[in-house]
C-alpha atoms as a PDB file:
ATOM      1  CA  MET A   1       0.030  -0.157   0.136  1.00  0.00           C
ATOM      2  CA  PRO A   2       2.876   2.568   0.526  1.00  0.00           C
ATOM      3  CA  ASN A   3       4.346   2.076  -2.551  1.00  0.00           C
ATOM      4  CA  GLU A   4       0.721   3.129  -4.392  1.00  0.00           C
ATOM      5  CA  LYS A   5      -0.011   5.864  -2.140  1.00  0.00           C
ATOM      6  CA  ALA A   6       3.954   7.269  -2.488  1.00  0.00           C
ATOM      7  CA  LEU A   7       3.472   7.021  -6.468  1.00  0.00           C
ATOM      8  CA  LEU A   8      -0.014   8.295  -7.004  1.00  0.00           C
ATOM      9  CA  ALA A   9       1.479  11.533  -4.833  1.00  0.00           C
ATOM     10  CA  TYR A  10       4.821  11.613  -6.867  1.00  0.00           C
ATOM     11  CA  ARG A  11       2.792  11.255 -10.475  1.00  0.00           C
ATOM     12  CA  LYS A  12      -0.583  12.853 -10.016  1.00  0.00           C
ATOM     13  CA  GLY A  13      -0.183  14.930  -6.205  1.00  0.00           C
ATOM     14  CA  GLY A  14       2.877  16.953  -7.487  1.00  0.00           C
ATOM     15  CA  GLN A  15       4.593  15.791  -4.821  1.00  0.00           C
ATOM     16  CA  ASN A  16       8.721  15.596  -5.351  1.00  0.00           C
ATOM     17  CA  CYS A  17      10.210  11.957  -4.934  1.00  0.00           C
ATOM     18  CA  ALA A  18      11.266  12.852  -0.877  1.00  0.00           C
ATOM     19  CA  GLN A  19       7.714  14.128  -0.398  1.00  0.00           C
ATOM     20  CA  SER A  20       6.079  10.829  -2.565  1.00  0.00           C
ATOM     21  CA  VAL A  21       7.972   8.603   0.351  1.00  0.00           C
ATOM     22  CA  PHE A  22       6.596  10.361   3.544  1.00  0.00           C
ATOM     23  CA  THR A  23       3.173  10.277   1.856  1.00  0.00           C
ATOM     24  CA  GLY A  24       3.682   6.778   1.298  1.00  0.00           C
ATOM     25  CA  PHE A  25       4.347   6.068   4.981  1.00  0.00           C
ATOM     26  CA  GLN A  26       2.133   8.976   6.781  1.00  0.00           C
ATOM     27  CA  LYS A  27      -0.093   6.684   8.338  1.00  0.00           C
ATOM     28  CA  LEU A  28       1.955   3.516   8.500  1.00  0.00           C
ATOM     29  CA  LEU A  29       4.461   5.372  10.442  1.00  0.00           C
ATOM     30  CA  ASN A  30       2.748   8.484  11.443  1.00  0.00           C
ATOM     31  CA  VAL A  31       4.662  10.787   9.554  1.00  0.00           C
ATOM     32  CA  PRO A  32       3.518  14.215  10.196  1.00  0.00           C
ATOM     33  CA  GLN A  33       2.045  16.623   7.394  1.00  0.00           C
ATOM     34  CA  THR A  34       4.466  19.270   8.280  1.00  0.00           C
ATOM     35  CA  THR A  35       7.560  16.625   7.760  1.00  0.00           C
ATOM     36  CA  ILE A  36       5.915  16.263   3.870  1.00  0.00           C
ATOM     37  CA  GLU A  37       5.742  20.306   3.470  1.00  0.00           C
ATOM     38  CA  GLU A  38       9.267  20.787   4.610  1.00  0.00           C
ATOM     39  CA  ALA A  39      10.506  17.795   2.273  1.00  0.00           C
ATOM     40  CA  ARG A  40       9.653  19.948  -1.019  1.00  0.00           C
ATOM     41  CA  LYS A  41      13.309  21.148  -0.769  1.00  0.00           C
ATOM     42  CA  GLN A  42      14.688  17.782  -0.490  1.00  0.00           C
ATOM     43  CA  GLY A  43      13.720  16.305  -4.213  1.00  0.00           C
ATOM     44  CA  GLY A  44      15.626  16.918  -7.240  1.00  0.00           C
ATOM     45  CA  GLY A  45      19.233  16.329  -5.880  1.00  0.00           C
ATOM     46  CA  LYS A  46      18.513  19.051  -3.491  1.00  0.00           C
ATOM     47  CA  VAL A  47      19.618  17.240  -0.462  1.00  0.00           C
ATOM     48  CA  GLU A  48      23.074  17.772   1.318  1.00  0.00           C
ATOM     49  CA  GLY A  49      25.322  15.944  -1.200  1.00  0.00           C
ATOM     50  CA  GLY A  50      23.267  15.476  -3.629  1.00  0.00           C
ATOM     51  CA  ARG A  51      21.369  12.284  -2.545  1.00  0.00           C
ATOM     52  CA  CYS A  52      18.543  10.983  -3.832  1.00  0.00           C
ATOM     53  CA  GLY A  53      15.575  12.683  -2.422  1.00  0.00           C
ATOM     54  CA  ALA A  54      13.595   9.439  -2.133  1.00  0.00           C
ATOM     55  CA  LEU A  55      16.435   7.700  -0.561  1.00  0.00           C
ATOM     56  CA  HIS A  56      17.028  10.510   2.031  1.00  0.00           C
ATOM     57  CA  ALA A  57      13.393  10.444   3.054  1.00  0.00           C
ATOM     58  CA  THR A  58      13.949   6.544   3.732  1.00  0.00           C
ATOM     59  CA  LEU A  59      16.538   6.932   5.859  1.00  0.00           C
ATOM     60  CA  VAL A  60      14.813   9.745   7.649  1.00  0.00           C
ATOM     61  CA  LEU A  61      12.476   6.975   8.130  1.00  0.00           C
ATOM     62  CA  SER A  62      14.665   4.304   9.513  1.00  0.00           C
ATOM     63  CA  LYS A  63      15.026   4.382  13.155  1.00  0.00           C
ATOM     64  CA  GLN A  64      18.469   2.417  13.217  1.00  0.00           C
ATOM     65  CA  ALA A  65      21.974   3.341  11.746  1.00  0.00           C
ATOM     66  CA  GLU A  66      22.355  -0.637  10.977  1.00  0.00           C
ATOM     67  CA  THR A  67      19.102  -0.535   8.937  1.00  0.00           C
ATOM     68  CA  ARG A  68      20.253   2.980   7.087  1.00  0.00           C
ATOM     69  CA  LYS A  69      23.359   1.336   6.482  1.00  0.00           C
ATOM     70  CA  GLU A  70      21.837  -1.567   4.559  1.00  0.00           C
ATOM     71  CA  LEU A  71      19.018   0.453   2.486  1.00  0.00           C
ATOM     72  CA  GLN A  72      21.892   2.863   1.381  1.00  0.00           C
ATOM     73  CA  SER A  73      23.586   0.052   0.036  1.00  0.00           C
ATOM     74  CA  ARG A  74      20.698  -1.778  -1.635  1.00  0.00           C
ATOM     75  CA  PHE A  75      19.501   1.274  -3.005  1.00  0.00           C
ATOM     76  CA  GLU A  76      23.213   1.936  -4.479  1.00  0.00           C
ATOM     77  CA  GLU A  77      23.283  -1.749  -5.827  1.00  0.00           C
ATOM     78  CA  LEU A  78      20.020  -1.554  -7.666  1.00  0.00           C
ATOM     79  CA  ALA A  79      19.651   2.268  -8.730  1.00  0.00           C
ATOM     80  CA  GLY A  80      23.617   2.722  -9.874  1.00  0.00           C
ATOM     81  CA  SER A  81      24.370   5.224  -7.349  1.00  0.00           C
ATOM     82  CA  GLN A  82      22.715   7.229  -3.876  1.00  0.00           C
ATOM     83  CA  LEU A  83      23.337  10.085  -5.927  1.00  0.00           C
ATOM     84  CA  CYS A  84      20.406  11.985  -8.175  1.00  0.00           C
ATOM     85  CA  ARG A  85      22.388  13.289 -10.679  1.00  0.00           C
ATOM     86  CA  GLU A  86      24.344  10.155 -11.149  1.00  0.00           C
ATOM     87  CA  ILE A  87      21.297   8.055 -10.874  1.00  0.00           C
ATOM     88  CA  ARG A  88      19.541  10.152 -13.817  1.00  0.00           C
ATOM     89  CA  MET A  89      23.126  10.401 -15.972  1.00  0.00           C
ATOM     90  CA  LYS A  90      22.978   6.592 -15.518  1.00  0.00           C
ATOM     91  CA  LYS A  91      19.443   6.215 -16.752  1.00  0.00           C
ATOM     92  CA  GLN A  92      19.310   2.888 -14.877  1.00  0.00           C
ATOM     93  CA  LEU A  93      15.909   3.990 -13.082  1.00  0.00           C
ATOM     94  CA  SER A  94      13.918   7.031 -13.665  1.00  0.00           C
ATOM     95  CA  CYS A  95      12.695   9.293 -10.689  1.00  0.00           C
ATOM     96  CA  ASP A  96       9.487   7.233 -10.063  1.00  0.00           C
ATOM     97  CA  GLN A  97      11.461   3.970 -10.650  1.00  0.00           C
ATOM     98  CA  CYS A  98      13.463   5.522  -7.253  1.00  0.00           C
ATOM     99  CA  VAL A  99      10.572   6.573  -5.364  1.00  0.00           C
ATOM    100  CA  ASP A 100       8.944   2.876  -5.781  1.00  0.00           C
ATOM    101  CA  LEU A 101      12.545   1.405  -4.947  1.00  0.00           C
ATOM    102  CA  ALA A 102      12.908   3.272  -1.641  1.00  0.00           C
ATOM    103  CA  VAL A 103       9.665   2.462  -0.374  1.00  0.00           C
ATOM    104  CA  THR A 104      10.041  -1.217  -1.429  1.00  0.00           C
ATOM    105  CA  LEU A 105      13.404  -1.510   0.612  1.00  0.00           C
ATOM    106  CA  LEU A 106      12.125   0.357   3.471  1.00  0.00           C
ATOM    107  CA  ASN A 107       8.151  -1.589   3.582  1.00  0.00           C
ATOM    108  CA  GLN A 108      10.685  -4.685   3.555  1.00  0.00           C
ATOM    109  CA  HIS A 109      12.312  -3.776   6.000  1.00  0.00           C
ATOM    110  CA  GLU A 110       9.745  -2.828   8.353  1.00  0.00           C
ATOM    111  CA  HIS A 111       7.762  -5.985   7.185  1.00  0.00           C
ATOM    112  CA  SER A 112      10.645  -8.593   8.119  1.00  0.00           C
ATOM    113  CA  LYS A 113      10.590  -6.979  11.860  1.00  0.00           C
ATOM    114  CA  ILE A 114       7.441  -8.157  12.627  1.00  0.00           C
END
């Protein structure tokens, strides 16, 4: 369900990649609306260091350092980089595919803890 919400927010809701990931998990992880609004500044490689906004949002939502390292590693493996600009240049994944990947990775991790 988070994937569908995130992709709808990205494709039709006018949200950037970071906002979309937060929206996907809004109900499941109690993400405040203010967090989604503040993430407007985090899409399109505008996160510090140029990191993908979808990945950034996933890392913010993950609570443990070990989890964040696993998510970063897996995302980079599948997307070809953690950096927005590099991902776009490689054309391995589109932006909406990055949103889907980031949500999928966090969702899989959250369900594995249950």
